[in-house]
Amino acid sequence: MYAPFLNLRTQQEYFDYYVNNYCSNPIYTHDGLPVYFDRDRFSHAFFKSVDRRSADKSQFDIERAKRMNWIKKVLQDPSLQIYAGYDNKKKKTDHSRRVSIVVPERYAVIVRFNRKFDKCFFVTAFIVDTDDNLNKLIQEEIWRMPTHFVY
C-alpha cells in the first residue's frame, strides 16, 4: 500500500480534514511548484456519480476520501512518473495539466497550471477504475514544462 488510509467517521470530518490540511496553505510539489486547493473542489474530488452518464457527483465516495492524505504524498513523490493531461474537447495533449499516477495502486492526482506556469491548482484525485483507463493515462506524453516558461 502506498500510504495508510485516512479513516474518519463522517463526511464532515473528511471535509474538515481537507480544508485544514490542504486549503490553508499551498502544498509544494517535489520540484518546487506550489499547488493551491479550493474548498469547492472537495465535492468534485470526493464524490462520484451514481450513474456515469449523468455525471451528477451526488454520492460521497469513501474510497476516494480514504486516500485523501495520499494527495500530498503523490505531489511530493519524485519517484512517480508525471504525464501530461488530455484535452477531450480539442483531442490533444494538454501540458497545462499534470497527472501524477501511483501505478500499482491505480491512483491519480491531477493539477492544472495558471497561465504563467508558476503555480498549480488541484483539480481532482481518483482511483483509476479500469485497465483501459489506466493505459490511456500512462500512454500520454511525459509532462514537461513548456520551454517558454521558467519558474
N, C-alpha and C. Protein backbone atom coordinates (compact mmCIF):
# COMPACT_ATOMS: atom_id res chain seq x y z
N MET A 1 0.85 -1.18 0.00
CA MET A 1 0.00 0.00 0.00
C MET A 1 0.89 1.24 0.00
N TYR A 2 0.52 2.20 -0.82
CA TYR A 2 1.29 3.42 -1.00
C TYR A 2 1.41 4.22 0.30
N ALA A 3 0.31 4.34 1.03
CA ALA A 3 0.28 5.04 2.32
C ALA A 3 -0.93 4.54 3.09
N PRO A 4 -0.93 4.70 4.41
CA PRO A 4 -2.11 4.27 5.18
C PRO A 4 -3.36 5.06 4.77
N PHE A 5 -4.50 4.40 4.91
CA PHE A 5 -5.76 5.08 4.64
C PHE A 5 -6.09 6.07 5.75
N LEU A 6 -6.82 7.08 5.38
CA LEU A 6 -7.35 8.05 6.34
C LEU A 6 -8.73 7.54 6.73
N ASN A 7 -8.89 7.15 7.97
CA ASN A 7 -10.16 6.58 8.42
C ASN A 7 -10.85 7.51 9.40
N LEU A 8 -11.75 8.32 8.86
CA LEU A 8 -12.55 9.23 9.67
C LEU A 8 -13.99 8.71 9.71
N ARG A 9 -14.81 9.29 10.56
CA ARG A 9 -16.15 8.74 10.76
C ARG A 9 -17.21 9.32 9.85
N THR A 10 -17.10 10.60 9.52
CA THR A 10 -18.20 11.23 8.78
C THR A 10 -17.68 12.02 7.59
N GLN A 11 -18.58 12.31 6.70
CA GLN A 11 -18.27 13.15 5.54
C GLN A 11 -17.78 14.52 6.00
N GLN A 12 -18.38 15.05 7.04
CA GLN A 12 -17.96 16.35 7.57
C GLN A 12 -16.52 16.30 8.08
N GLU A 13 -16.14 15.21 8.72
CA GLU A 13 -14.76 15.08 9.20
C GLU A 13 -13.77 15.05 8.03
N TYR A 14 -14.15 14.39 6.96
CA TYR A 14 -13.29 14.38 5.77
C TYR A 14 -13.19 15.78 5.17
N PHE A 15 -14.30 16.47 5.11
CA PHE A 15 -14.28 17.84 4.59
C PHE A 15 -13.40 18.72 5.46
N ASP A 16 -13.53 18.63 6.77
CA ASP A 16 -12.71 19.42 7.70
C ASP A 16 -11.23 19.09 7.52
N TYR A 17 -10.91 17.81 7.36
CA TYR A 17 -9.52 17.41 7.14
C TYR A 17 -8.98 18.05 5.86
N TYR A 18 -9.78 18.00 4.80
CA TYR A 18 -9.38 18.58 3.51
C TYR A 18 -9.11 20.08 3.66
N VAL A 19 -10.03 20.79 4.28
CA VAL A 19 -9.88 22.24 4.45
C VAL A 19 -8.66 22.56 5.31
N ASN A 20 -8.52 21.87 6.43
CA ASN A 20 -7.43 22.16 7.37
C ASN A 20 -6.06 21.77 6.83
N ASN A 21 -5.98 20.70 6.05
CA ASN A 21 -4.68 20.19 5.60
C ASN A 21 -4.29 20.60 4.19
N TYR A 22 -5.25 21.07 3.41
CA TYR A 22 -4.94 21.42 2.03
C TYR A 22 -5.28 22.86 1.66
N CYS A 23 -6.33 23.40 2.21
CA CYS A 23 -6.80 24.71 1.74
C CYS A 23 -6.15 25.91 2.44
N SER A 24 -5.51 25.69 3.56
CA SER A 24 -4.96 26.83 4.30
C SER A 24 -3.62 27.33 3.74
N ASN A 25 -2.82 26.42 3.20
CA ASN A 25 -1.52 26.76 2.63
C ASN A 25 -1.26 25.89 1.42
N PRO A 26 -0.50 26.39 0.45
CA PRO A 26 -0.21 25.53 -0.70
C PRO A 26 0.65 24.34 -0.30
N ILE A 27 0.53 23.28 -1.06
CA ILE A 27 1.40 22.12 -0.93
C ILE A 27 2.43 22.27 -2.05
N TYR A 28 3.69 22.05 -1.74
CA TYR A 28 4.74 22.17 -2.76
C TYR A 28 5.07 20.80 -3.33
N THR A 29 5.14 20.74 -4.66
CA THR A 29 5.49 19.50 -5.33
C THR A 29 6.97 19.20 -5.12
N HIS A 30 7.37 18.00 -5.49
CA HIS A 30 8.79 17.61 -5.34
C HIS A 30 9.71 18.51 -6.14
N ASP A 31 9.19 19.16 -7.16
CA ASP A 31 10.03 20.06 -7.96
C ASP A 31 9.75 21.53 -7.67
N GLY A 32 9.14 21.81 -6.51
CA GLY A 32 9.03 23.18 -6.02
C GLY A 32 7.84 24.01 -6.46
N LEU A 33 6.89 23.42 -7.15
CA LEU A 33 5.71 24.18 -7.60
C LEU A 33 4.64 24.21 -6.52
N PRO A 34 4.10 25.39 -6.22
CA PRO A 34 3.01 25.46 -5.24
C PRO A 34 1.69 24.98 -5.86
N VAL A 35 0.97 24.16 -5.13
CA VAL A 35 -0.35 23.69 -5.56
C VAL A 35 -1.37 24.24 -4.57
N TYR A 36 -2.34 24.97 -5.09
CA TYR A 36 -3.38 25.58 -4.26
C TYR A 36 -4.65 24.74 -4.34
N PHE A 37 -5.31 24.62 -3.22
CA PHE A 37 -6.53 23.83 -3.10
C PHE A 37 -7.68 24.75 -2.74
N ASP A 38 -8.80 24.54 -3.39
CA ASP A 38 -10.01 25.32 -3.14
C ASP A 38 -11.02 24.44 -2.43
N ARG A 39 -11.72 25.01 -1.46
CA ARG A 39 -12.76 24.27 -0.73
C ARG A 39 -13.79 23.67 -1.68
N ASP A 40 -14.09 24.38 -2.76
CA ASP A 40 -15.12 23.94 -3.70
C ASP A 40 -14.72 22.69 -4.47
N ARG A 41 -13.46 22.35 -4.50
CA ARG A 41 -13.01 21.14 -5.22
C ARG A 41 -13.31 19.86 -4.44
N PHE A 42 -13.68 20.00 -3.17
CA PHE A 42 -13.96 18.82 -2.34
C PHE A 42 -15.02 17.94 -2.99
N SER A 43 -16.12 18.52 -3.38
CA SER A 43 -17.20 17.70 -3.93
C SER A 43 -16.80 17.06 -5.27
N HIS A 44 -16.02 17.76 -6.07
CA HIS A 44 -15.58 17.16 -7.33
C HIS A 44 -14.63 15.99 -7.08
N ALA A 45 -13.73 16.15 -6.12
CA ALA A 45 -12.71 15.14 -5.88
C ALA A 45 -13.20 13.96 -5.05
N PHE A 46 -14.17 14.16 -4.20
CA PHE A 46 -14.54 13.10 -3.26
C PHE A 46 -15.99 12.64 -3.36
N PHE A 47 -16.62 12.98 -4.44
CA PHE A 47 -17.96 12.48 -4.72
C PHE A 47 -17.93 11.77 -6.07
N LYS A 48 -18.88 10.89 -6.28
CA LYS A 48 -18.97 10.19 -7.56
C LYS A 48 -20.40 10.22 -8.05
N SER A 49 -20.55 9.96 -9.31
CA SER A 49 -21.88 9.90 -9.91
C SER A 49 -22.47 8.52 -9.67
N VAL A 50 -23.73 8.49 -9.33
CA VAL A 50 -24.41 7.22 -9.16
C VAL A 50 -24.50 6.53 -10.53
N ASP A 51 -24.75 7.33 -11.54
CA ASP A 51 -24.83 6.84 -12.92
C ASP A 51 -23.77 7.60 -13.72
N ARG A 52 -22.82 6.89 -14.31
CA ARG A 52 -21.71 7.55 -15.03
C ARG A 52 -22.18 8.50 -16.12
N ARG A 53 -23.32 8.21 -16.73
CA ARG A 53 -23.80 9.06 -17.82
C ARG A 53 -24.32 10.40 -17.32
N SER A 54 -24.84 10.42 -16.11
CA SER A 54 -25.42 11.67 -15.61
C SER A 54 -24.37 12.65 -15.09
N ALA A 55 -23.23 12.12 -14.62
CA ALA A 55 -22.14 12.95 -14.08
C ALA A 55 -22.64 13.93 -13.03
N ASP A 56 -23.51 13.45 -12.16
CA ASP A 56 -24.13 14.32 -11.16
C ASP A 56 -23.30 14.51 -9.89
N LYS A 57 -22.31 13.64 -9.65
CA LYS A 57 -21.45 13.73 -8.46
C LYS A 57 -22.27 13.91 -7.18
N SER A 58 -23.23 13.04 -6.98
CA SER A 58 -24.15 13.18 -5.85
C SER A 58 -23.84 12.24 -4.68
N GLN A 59 -22.93 11.29 -4.87
CA GLN A 59 -22.68 10.31 -3.82
C GLN A 59 -21.26 10.44 -3.27
N PHE A 60 -21.15 10.62 -1.96
CA PHE A 60 -19.84 10.68 -1.32
C PHE A 60 -19.12 9.36 -1.56
N ASP A 61 -17.85 9.44 -1.97
CA ASP A 61 -17.06 8.26 -2.30
C ASP A 61 -16.03 8.01 -1.21
N ILE A 62 -16.33 7.10 -0.32
CA ILE A 62 -15.46 6.82 0.82
C ILE A 62 -14.10 6.28 0.36
N GLU A 63 -14.07 5.54 -0.75
CA GLU A 63 -12.79 5.01 -1.24
C GLU A 63 -11.86 6.14 -1.68
N ARG A 64 -12.39 7.15 -2.31
CA ARG A 64 -11.57 8.32 -2.65
C ARG A 64 -11.17 9.07 -1.38
N ALA A 65 -12.11 9.26 -0.50
CA ALA A 65 -11.86 10.03 0.72
C ALA A 65 -10.79 9.37 1.59
N LYS A 66 -10.79 8.05 1.66
CA LYS A 66 -9.79 7.35 2.47
C LYS A 66 -8.37 7.58 1.97
N ARG A 67 -8.25 7.97 0.71
CA ARG A 67 -6.93 8.23 0.12
C ARG A 67 -6.59 9.72 0.08
N MET A 68 -7.38 10.53 0.74
CA MET A 68 -7.18 11.98 0.74
C MET A 68 -5.76 12.36 1.18
N ASN A 69 -5.25 11.68 2.18
CA ASN A 69 -3.91 12.00 2.66
C ASN A 69 -2.82 11.56 1.68
N TRP A 70 -3.17 10.81 0.66
CA TRP A 70 -2.20 10.41 -0.36
C TRP A 70 -1.87 11.57 -1.29
N ILE A 71 -2.77 12.52 -1.42
CA ILE A 71 -2.59 13.60 -2.40
C ILE A 71 -1.26 14.31 -2.19
N LYS A 72 -1.01 14.74 -0.98
CA LYS A 72 0.25 15.44 -0.69
C LYS A 72 1.45 14.55 -0.98
N LYS A 73 1.36 13.30 -0.57
CA LYS A 73 2.47 12.38 -0.79
C LYS A 73 2.73 12.20 -2.29
N VAL A 74 1.68 12.07 -3.07
CA VAL A 74 1.82 11.92 -4.52
C VAL A 74 2.49 13.16 -5.12
N LEU A 75 2.02 14.32 -4.75
CA LEU A 75 2.58 15.56 -5.30
C LEU A 75 4.06 15.74 -4.94
N GLN A 76 4.45 15.20 -3.80
CA GLN A 76 5.83 15.38 -3.33
C GLN A 76 6.74 14.20 -3.63
N ASP A 77 6.24 13.20 -4.32
CA ASP A 77 7.00 11.98 -4.59
C ASP A 77 7.80 12.11 -5.89
N PRO A 78 9.14 12.24 -5.80
CA PRO A 78 9.95 12.40 -7.02
C PRO A 78 10.09 11.11 -7.82
N SER A 79 9.68 9.99 -7.27
CA SER A 79 9.84 8.71 -7.99
C SER A 79 8.69 8.44 -8.96
N LEU A 80 7.62 9.20 -8.88
CA LEU A 80 6.47 8.95 -9.76
C LEU A 80 6.66 9.59 -11.13
N GLN A 81 6.19 8.89 -12.14
CA GLN A 81 6.18 9.45 -13.48
C GLN A 81 5.01 10.44 -13.57
N ILE A 82 5.24 11.57 -14.23
CA ILE A 82 4.21 12.59 -14.38
C ILE A 82 3.87 12.69 -15.86
N TYR A 83 2.59 12.64 -16.14
CA TYR A 83 2.11 12.66 -17.53
C TYR A 83 1.38 13.97 -17.81
N ALA A 84 1.35 14.33 -19.06
CA ALA A 84 0.55 15.49 -19.49
C ALA A 84 -0.91 15.09 -19.45
N GLY A 85 -1.76 16.08 -19.24
CA GLY A 85 -3.19 15.84 -19.30
C GLY A 85 -3.65 15.71 -20.74
N TYR A 86 -4.95 15.54 -20.89
CA TYR A 86 -5.52 15.41 -22.22
C TYR A 86 -6.76 16.29 -22.30
N ASP A 87 -6.84 17.08 -23.36
CA ASP A 87 -7.99 17.95 -23.57
C ASP A 87 -8.97 17.20 -24.48
N ASN A 88 -10.07 16.73 -23.88
CA ASN A 88 -11.06 15.95 -24.64
C ASN A 88 -11.72 16.77 -25.73
N LYS A 89 -11.95 18.05 -25.48
CA LYS A 89 -12.61 18.89 -26.48
C LYS A 89 -11.72 19.10 -27.71
N LYS A 90 -10.45 19.36 -27.46
CA LYS A 90 -9.51 19.61 -28.56
C LYS A 90 -8.86 18.33 -29.08
N LYS A 91 -9.06 17.23 -28.34
CA LYS A 91 -8.50 15.93 -28.72
C LYS A 91 -6.98 15.97 -28.87
N LYS A 92 -6.35 16.59 -27.85
CA LYS A 92 -4.89 16.64 -27.89
C LYS A 92 -4.31 16.73 -26.48
N THR A 93 -3.03 16.44 -26.40
CA THR A 93 -2.30 16.53 -25.14
C THR A 93 -2.33 17.95 -24.62
N ASP A 94 -2.42 18.08 -23.29
CA ASP A 94 -2.52 19.39 -22.66
C ASP A 94 -1.48 19.49 -21.54
N HIS A 95 -0.37 20.19 -21.81
CA HIS A 95 0.70 20.32 -20.81
C HIS A 95 0.36 21.32 -19.71
N SER A 96 -0.79 21.97 -19.78
CA SER A 96 -1.20 22.83 -18.67
C SER A 96 -1.84 22.00 -17.55
N ARG A 97 -2.00 20.72 -17.79
CA ARG A 97 -2.46 19.78 -16.76
C ARG A 97 -1.38 18.74 -16.55
N ARG A 98 -1.23 18.39 -15.31
CA ARG A 98 -0.18 17.45 -14.93
C ARG A 98 -0.84 16.31 -14.16
N VAL A 99 -0.58 15.09 -14.57
CA VAL A 99 -1.20 13.90 -13.98
C VAL A 99 -0.12 13.04 -13.34
N SER A 100 -0.17 12.92 -12.03
CA SER A 100 0.77 12.06 -11.29
C SER A 100 0.03 10.77 -10.96
N ILE A 101 0.67 9.63 -11.26
CA ILE A 101 -0.01 8.36 -11.08
C ILE A 101 0.83 7.40 -10.25
N VAL A 102 0.19 6.83 -9.24
CA VAL A 102 0.77 5.72 -8.48
C VAL A 102 0.24 4.47 -9.19
N VAL A 103 1.02 3.93 -10.12
CA VAL A 103 0.53 2.87 -10.99
C VAL A 103 0.08 1.62 -10.22
N PRO A 104 0.88 1.08 -9.30
CA PRO A 104 0.42 -0.15 -8.65
C PRO A 104 -0.91 0.02 -7.88
N GLU A 105 -1.12 1.21 -7.36
CA GLU A 105 -2.34 1.48 -6.60
C GLU A 105 -3.45 2.06 -7.47
N ARG A 106 -3.12 2.37 -8.73
CA ARG A 106 -4.10 2.91 -9.68
C ARG A 106 -4.72 4.21 -9.18
N TYR A 107 -3.87 5.08 -8.66
CA TYR A 107 -4.33 6.33 -8.06
C TYR A 107 -3.72 7.51 -8.81
N ALA A 108 -4.56 8.46 -9.20
CA ALA A 108 -4.10 9.60 -9.98
C ALA A 108 -4.46 10.91 -9.30
N VAL A 109 -3.56 11.88 -9.40
CA VAL A 109 -3.79 13.24 -8.90
C VAL A 109 -3.55 14.18 -10.09
N ILE A 110 -4.52 15.06 -10.32
CA ILE A 110 -4.42 15.99 -11.45
C ILE A 110 -4.41 17.43 -10.94
N VAL A 111 -3.46 18.20 -11.45
CA VAL A 111 -3.40 19.63 -11.16
C VAL A 111 -3.35 20.37 -12.49
N ARG A 112 -3.74 21.64 -12.47
CA ARG A 112 -3.65 22.47 -13.67
C ARG A 112 -2.84 23.71 -13.34
N PHE A 113 -2.15 24.21 -14.33
CA PHE A 113 -1.31 25.39 -14.16
C PHE A 113 -2.08 26.67 -14.46
N ASN A 114 -1.62 27.76 -13.85
CA ASN A 114 -2.10 29.08 -14.26
C ASN A 114 -1.39 29.44 -15.58
N ARG A 115 -1.72 30.59 -16.13
CA ARG A 115 -1.15 30.97 -17.44
C ARG A 115 0.35 31.21 -17.40
N LYS A 116 0.87 31.64 -16.27
CA LYS A 116 2.31 31.89 -16.16
C LYS A 116 3.10 30.61 -15.88
N PHE A 117 2.41 29.53 -15.61
CA PHE A 117 3.06 28.26 -15.27
C PHE A 117 3.95 28.38 -14.03
N ASP A 118 3.55 29.23 -13.09
CA ASP A 118 4.35 29.36 -11.87
C ASP A 118 3.62 28.85 -10.64
N LYS A 119 2.39 28.40 -10.80
CA LYS A 119 1.67 27.75 -9.71
C LYS A 119 0.58 26.87 -10.30
N CYS A 120 0.12 25.95 -9.46
CA CYS A 120 -0.88 24.96 -9.89
C CYS A 120 -2.10 25.02 -8.99
N PHE A 121 -3.17 24.45 -9.51
CA PHE A 121 -4.41 24.34 -8.75
C PHE A 121 -4.86 22.88 -8.80
N PHE A 122 -5.25 22.36 -7.66
CA PHE A 122 -5.75 21.00 -7.57
C PHE A 122 -7.02 20.86 -8.38
N VAL A 123 -7.09 19.84 -9.20
CA VAL A 123 -8.28 19.55 -9.99
C VAL A 123 -9.05 18.40 -9.37
N THR A 124 -8.38 17.25 -9.24
CA THR A 124 -9.05 16.07 -8.68
C THR A 124 -8.03 15.00 -8.35
N ALA A 125 -8.50 13.99 -7.65
CA ALA A 125 -7.73 12.78 -7.36
C ALA A 125 -8.72 11.63 -7.40
N PHE A 126 -8.28 10.51 -7.96
CA PHE A 126 -9.22 9.40 -8.10
C PHE A 126 -8.52 8.07 -8.26
N ILE A 127 -9.27 7.02 -8.05
CA ILE A 127 -8.82 5.66 -8.29
C ILE A 127 -9.16 5.34 -9.74
N VAL A 128 -8.17 4.94 -10.50
CA VAL A 128 -8.39 4.60 -11.90
C VAL A 128 -9.09 3.24 -11.94
N ASP A 129 -10.31 3.24 -12.46
CA ASP A 129 -11.18 2.08 -12.30
C ASP A 129 -10.99 0.92 -13.26
N THR A 130 -10.38 1.14 -14.40
CA THR A 130 -10.22 0.03 -15.36
C THR A 130 -8.81 0.03 -15.95
N ASP A 131 -8.41 -1.12 -16.45
CA ASP A 131 -7.11 -1.22 -17.13
C ASP A 131 -7.07 -0.30 -18.34
N ASP A 132 -8.18 -0.22 -19.05
CA ASP A 132 -8.24 0.64 -20.24
C ASP A 132 -7.98 2.10 -19.88
N ASN A 133 -8.61 2.57 -18.80
CA ASN A 133 -8.41 3.96 -18.36
C ASN A 133 -6.98 4.19 -17.88
N LEU A 134 -6.42 3.22 -17.16
CA LEU A 134 -5.03 3.35 -16.71
C LEU A 134 -4.09 3.41 -17.92
N ASN A 135 -4.31 2.56 -18.91
CA ASN A 135 -3.47 2.58 -20.11
C ASN A 135 -3.58 3.89 -20.86
N LYS A 136 -4.76 4.47 -20.91
CA LYS A 136 -4.93 5.77 -21.57
C LYS A 136 -4.09 6.84 -20.87
N LEU A 137 -4.11 6.82 -19.54
CA LEU A 137 -3.35 7.82 -18.79
C LEU A 137 -1.84 7.67 -18.98
N ILE A 138 -1.36 6.45 -18.92
CA ILE A 138 0.10 6.26 -18.99
C ILE A 138 0.63 6.23 -20.41
N GLN A 139 -0.26 6.28 -21.40
CA GLN A 139 0.20 6.39 -22.78
C GLN A 139 0.29 7.84 -23.23
N GLU A 140 -0.12 8.76 -22.38
CA GLU A 140 0.03 10.19 -22.70
C GLU A 140 1.51 10.55 -22.66
N GLU A 141 1.83 11.70 -23.21
CA GLU A 141 3.21 12.19 -23.19
C GLU A 141 3.66 12.41 -21.75
N ILE A 142 4.95 12.27 -21.54
CA ILE A 142 5.53 12.63 -20.26
C ILE A 142 5.38 14.14 -20.12
N TRP A 143 4.95 14.59 -18.93
CA TRP A 143 4.75 16.02 -18.73
C TRP A 143 6.10 16.74 -18.77
N ARG A 144 6.09 17.92 -19.37
CA ARG A 144 7.28 18.78 -19.37
C ARG A 144 6.82 20.22 -19.28
N MET A 145 7.63 21.02 -18.64
CA MET A 145 7.36 22.45 -18.57
C MET A 145 7.53 23.03 -19.97
N PRO A 146 6.55 23.80 -20.46
CA PRO A 146 6.75 24.44 -21.76
C PRO A 146 8.05 25.24 -21.77
N THR A 147 8.77 25.18 -22.87
CA THR A 147 10.11 25.78 -22.93
C THR A 147 10.11 27.29 -22.80
N HIS A 148 9.01 27.95 -23.08
CA HIS A 148 8.99 29.41 -22.97
C HIS A 148 8.63 29.89 -21.56
N PHE A 149 8.54 28.94 -20.61
CA PHE A 149 8.26 29.33 -19.22
C PHE A 149 9.39 28.84 -18.33
N VAL A 150 9.78 29.66 -17.43
CA VAL A 150 10.78 29.29 -16.43
C VAL A 150 10.19 29.65 -15.08
N TYR A 151 10.24 28.74 -14.15
CA TYR A 151 9.71 29.04 -12.82
C TYR A 151 10.79 29.02 -11.78
